[in-house]
Amino acid sequence: MAELLTLCQALEAIAACHDDRDVWDRYGWVYATDGDEQEAMFWLSGHDVEDDDPAVQAFVAEHGLSPYLEAATFADVLEVQKRQRPLSTLDAYAHALAYYSEYDAFAQVAGIEEALDEAPAEEQQAARALGVGRGIFAAFDVVLAQCPETRVKDAARLVAGVLEVAVGQALPLCRALPLELGRDLQRTRAAAIVADFQALGIGPEVRGYRAFPWMAAPAL
């Protein structure tokens, strides 16, 4: 059976997924011990876990766990809090989760008119400047900063595919660098683009944005 997680570790486990679909594929339910979310311990169960499995029942009983939220809902609560306050602290996420678990509704943040609205643009820009992305998963900007003249035509074919433009349009773009190949890309998409260019001997610049302020910058 998997180890128990602190709230911080549980948030980081969700953030390690690629996207919402990946959360769904990896996890079924989040179990938690009673009490304050900051002090509770969590267990993220997989879809193969059966509640009536004696081993599961023994594990849950041993650690005082009970079903807390579906993993997808747990992630949604984090996403809404992040959308409203991009630089939320762990305490703010704990409050958002506690509110949802009690009222079955997203907590409204002061200064935001509706629970599903976004933070002001300047707050989002401040978070981005600090390397914190828009969502609860790692995100990446990929930029073609250099391209040898001998590789321009090959690069243009890749650029055409990435930007969905004609090769004729991509050629001048590859000569007028830097060129943004993608912004706020999911890890798998960013990695695929970088791998294609590296196969040509060209290394695009990559900047990773972390999900939560206390995390290190992500790498592909």
Protein backbone atom coordinates (compact mmCIF):
# COMPACT_ATOMS: atom_id res chain seq x y z
CA MET A 1 0.00 0.00 0.00
CA ALA A 2 1.26 3.50 -0.78
CA GLU A 3 2.60 5.74 1.97
CA LEU A 4 0.55 8.49 3.56
CA LEU A 5 1.17 12.06 2.42
CA THR A 6 1.12 15.43 4.10
CA LEU A 7 -1.09 18.08 2.52
CA CYS A 8 1.94 19.58 0.80
CA GLN A 9 2.96 16.20 -0.59
CA ALA A 10 -0.60 15.50 -1.76
CA LEU A 11 -0.70 18.80 -3.66
CA GLU A 12 2.66 18.06 -5.23
CA ALA A 13 1.50 14.57 -6.24
CA ILE A 14 -1.41 16.15 -8.12
CA ALA A 15 0.91 18.75 -9.64
CA ALA A 16 3.18 15.95 -10.90
CA CYS A 17 0.43 14.85 -13.28
CA HIS A 18 0.46 16.21 -16.83
CA ASP A 19 -3.15 17.40 -16.93
CA ASP A 20 -6.67 16.70 -15.67
CA ARG A 21 -6.88 13.50 -17.67
CA ASP A 22 -3.67 12.24 -16.11
CA VAL A 23 -5.10 12.92 -12.63
CA TRP A 24 -8.15 10.87 -13.60
CA ASP A 25 -6.01 8.04 -14.94
CA ARG A 26 -3.74 7.88 -11.88
CA TYR A 27 -6.06 8.45 -8.95
CA GLY A 28 -9.58 7.57 -7.89
CA TRP A 29 -10.15 8.92 -4.39
CA VAL A 30 -8.31 11.01 -1.86
CA TYR A 31 -8.59 9.62 1.67
CA ALA A 32 -7.70 11.68 4.73
CA THR A 33 -7.44 11.50 8.48
CA ASP A 34 -9.78 13.61 10.57
CA GLY A 35 -8.99 17.14 11.66
CA ASP A 36 -7.48 20.24 10.17
CA GLU A 37 -6.27 19.83 6.59
CA GLN A 38 -2.89 21.28 7.47
CA GLU A 39 -2.34 18.54 10.04
CA ALA A 40 -4.12 15.69 8.25
CA MET A 41 -2.49 12.84 6.38
CA PHE A 42 -3.70 11.88 2.91
CA TRP A 43 -3.75 8.83 0.69
CA LEU A 44 -4.35 9.02 -3.05
CA SER A 45 -5.86 5.73 -4.15
CA GLY A 46 -5.69 4.30 -7.64
CA HIS A 47 -8.67 3.11 -9.67
CA ASP A 48 -7.69 -0.47 -8.95
CA VAL A 49 -8.43 -0.01 -5.25
CA GLU A 50 -11.60 -1.75 -4.07
CA ASP A 51 -13.22 -0.50 -0.87
CA ASP A 52 -14.21 -4.02 0.14
CA ASP A 53 -10.67 -5.38 -0.29
CA PRO A 54 -9.60 -6.64 3.17
CA ALA A 55 -6.11 -5.19 2.68
CA VAL A 56 -7.57 -1.78 1.86
CA GLN A 57 -9.96 -1.93 4.80
CA ALA A 58 -7.11 -2.86 7.13
CA PHE A 59 -4.92 -0.02 5.79
CA VAL A 60 -7.72 2.54 6.13
CA ALA A 61 -8.57 1.40 9.65
CA GLU A 62 -4.94 1.31 10.77
CA HIS A 63 -4.35 4.92 9.74
CA GLY A 64 -7.75 6.35 10.61
CA LEU A 65 -8.56 7.26 7.01
CA SER A 66 -11.91 8.01 5.45
CA PRO A 67 -12.94 9.08 1.92
CA TYR A 68 -12.32 12.81 1.57
CA LEU A 69 -12.87 13.86 -2.06
CA GLU A 70 -12.65 12.26 -5.46
CA ALA A 71 -9.18 12.96 -6.81
CA ALA A 72 -10.59 14.87 -9.80
CA THR A 73 -12.63 17.07 -7.45
CA PHE A 74 -9.61 17.56 -5.17
CA ALA A 75 -7.70 18.82 -8.22
CA ASP A 76 -10.60 21.07 -9.24
CA VAL A 77 -10.58 22.76 -5.83
CA LEU A 78 -6.85 23.45 -6.19
CA GLU A 79 -7.38 24.75 -9.73
CA VAL A 80 -10.10 27.19 -8.67
CA GLN A 81 -8.01 28.50 -5.77
CA LYS A 82 -5.02 28.89 -8.08
CA ARG A 83 -7.12 30.71 -10.67
CA GLN A 84 -8.33 33.18 -8.07
CA ARG A 85 -5.03 33.65 -6.26
CA PRO A 86 -2.03 32.46 -8.32
CA LEU A 87 0.40 32.85 -5.41
CA SER A 88 -1.77 31.09 -2.83
CA THR A 89 0.00 29.64 0.18
CA LEU A 90 -0.39 26.10 1.45
CA ASP A 91 -2.67 27.49 4.16
CA ALA A 92 -4.94 29.03 1.50
CA TYR A 93 -5.22 25.69 -0.30
CA ALA A 94 -6.02 24.00 3.01
CA HIS A 95 -8.83 26.50 3.59
CA ALA A 96 -10.20 26.00 0.07
CA LEU A 97 -10.25 22.22 0.53
CA ALA A 98 -11.84 22.47 3.98
CA TYR A 99 -14.54 24.78 2.64
CA TYR A 100 -15.36 22.47 -0.27
CA SER A 101 -15.40 19.35 1.89
CA GLU A 102 -17.87 21.03 4.26
CA TYR A 103 -20.13 22.94 1.86
CA ASP A 104 -19.68 21.08 -1.44
CA ALA A 105 -18.94 24.43 -3.09
CA PHE A 106 -15.89 26.44 -4.08
CA ALA A 107 -14.79 29.07 -1.60
CA GLN A 108 -15.02 32.63 -2.85
CA VAL A 109 -11.88 34.68 -2.44
CA ALA A 110 -12.05 38.28 -1.25
CA GLY A 111 -11.82 40.70 -4.17
CA ILE A 112 -13.07 38.17 -6.74
CA GLU A 113 -16.72 38.68 -7.69
CA GLU A 114 -17.53 35.06 -8.54
CA ALA A 115 -15.99 31.84 -7.26
CA LEU A 116 -14.88 30.77 -10.75
CA ASP A 117 -13.45 34.13 -11.85
CA GLU A 118 -9.73 34.76 -12.36
CA ALA A 119 -7.34 36.96 -10.45
CA PRO A 120 -6.63 40.41 -11.92
CA ALA A 121 -4.16 40.47 -14.81
CA GLU A 122 -1.49 42.19 -12.75
CA GLU A 123 -1.64 39.43 -10.14
CA GLN A 124 -1.29 36.78 -12.82
CA GLN A 125 1.65 38.64 -14.35
CA ALA A 126 3.35 38.92 -10.96
CA ALA A 127 3.04 35.17 -10.46
CA ARG A 128 4.41 34.48 -13.92
CA ALA A 129 7.37 36.76 -13.28
CA LEU A 130 8.14 34.63 -10.23
CA GLY A 131 7.98 31.45 -12.30
CA VAL A 132 4.56 30.29 -11.12
CA GLY A 133 2.29 29.09 -13.93
CA ARG A 134 -1.42 29.60 -14.50
CA GLY A 135 -2.59 26.13 -13.58
CA ILE A 136 -1.84 23.37 -11.08
CA PHE A 137 0.41 21.42 -13.45
CA ALA A 138 3.89 22.25 -14.72
CA ALA A 139 3.85 24.42 -17.85
CA PHE A 140 6.56 25.33 -20.30
CA ASP A 141 7.44 28.07 -22.79
CA VAL A 142 9.52 26.87 -25.73
CA VAL A 143 11.46 29.39 -27.84
CA LEU A 144 13.60 28.87 -30.90
CA ALA A 145 16.42 31.31 -30.18
CA GLN A 146 19.11 30.10 -32.61
CA CYS A 147 19.15 28.19 -35.86
CA PRO A 148 22.19 27.58 -38.11
CA GLU A 149 21.60 28.71 -41.68
CA THR A 150 22.26 25.17 -42.85
CA ARG A 151 19.27 23.97 -40.80
CA VAL A 152 16.79 26.73 -41.58
CA LYS A 153 14.78 24.72 -44.14
CA ASP A 154 14.57 21.68 -41.86
CA ALA A 155 13.63 23.89 -38.92
CA ALA A 156 10.99 25.62 -41.01
CA ARG A 157 9.27 22.31 -41.68
CA LEU A 158 9.08 21.65 -37.96
CA VAL A 159 7.95 25.19 -37.21
CA ALA A 160 5.22 24.88 -39.82
CA GLY A 161 3.87 21.82 -38.05
CA VAL A 162 4.08 23.33 -34.58
CA LEU A 163 2.51 26.68 -35.51
CA GLU A 164 0.19 25.19 -38.14
CA VAL A 165 1.37 27.53 -40.90
CA ALA A 166 2.74 26.95 -44.39
CA VAL A 167 6.44 26.18 -44.74
CA GLY A 168 6.75 29.33 -46.85
CA GLN A 169 5.51 31.35 -43.88
CA ALA A 170 7.77 29.49 -41.47
CA LEU A 171 10.99 30.17 -43.40
CA PRO A 172 11.19 33.91 -42.66
CA LEU A 173 10.18 33.24 -39.06
CA CYS A 174 13.19 30.96 -38.67
CA ARG A 175 15.45 33.75 -39.88
CA ALA A 176 13.94 36.40 -37.63
CA LEU A 177 14.60 34.78 -34.28
CA PRO A 178 13.69 34.47 -31.46
CA LEU A 179 10.49 32.62 -32.29
CA GLU A 180 7.98 31.45 -29.68
CA LEU A 181 7.06 27.84 -30.42
CA GLY A 182 4.62 27.46 -27.56
CA ARG A 183 3.47 29.12 -24.36
CA ASP A 184 2.16 27.40 -21.24
CA LEU A 185 2.56 24.00 -22.87
CA GLN A 186 1.93 20.76 -21.04
CA ARG A 187 5.06 18.75 -20.28
CA THR A 188 4.43 16.04 -22.88
CA ARG A 189 3.77 18.57 -25.66
CA ALA A 190 6.80 20.68 -24.79
CA ALA A 191 9.04 17.62 -24.59
CA ALA A 192 7.87 16.40 -28.01
CA ILE A 193 8.62 19.76 -29.65
CA VAL A 194 12.05 19.99 -28.05
CA ALA A 195 12.91 16.41 -29.04
CA ASP A 196 12.05 17.09 -32.70
CA PHE A 197 14.35 20.11 -32.83
CA GLN A 198 17.13 18.38 -30.93
CA ALA A 199 17.07 15.64 -33.55
CA LEU A 200 18.17 18.36 -35.99
CA GLY A 201 20.94 19.47 -33.67
CA ILE A 202 18.98 22.54 -32.57
CA GLY A 203 18.26 23.15 -28.89
CA PRO A 204 15.26 25.42 -28.22
CA GLU A 205 15.20 27.43 -25.02
CA VAL A 206 12.74 26.15 -22.41
CA ARG A 207 11.37 27.91 -19.36
CA GLY A 208 9.37 25.87 -16.88
CA TYR A 209 6.65 27.28 -14.61
CA ARG A 210 5.90 25.56 -11.32
CA ALA A 211 2.46 24.81 -10.02
CA PHE A 212 2.91 26.16 -6.50
CA PRO A 213 5.22 28.92 -5.18
CA TRP A 214 7.12 26.63 -2.81
CA MET A 215 8.08 24.14 -5.53
CA ALA A 216 11.29 24.14 -7.58
CA ALA A 217 11.13 25.11 -11.26
CA PRO A 218 10.10 22.03 -13.30
CA ALA A 219 12.30 20.43 -15.94
CA LEU A 220 11.31 18.41 -18.97
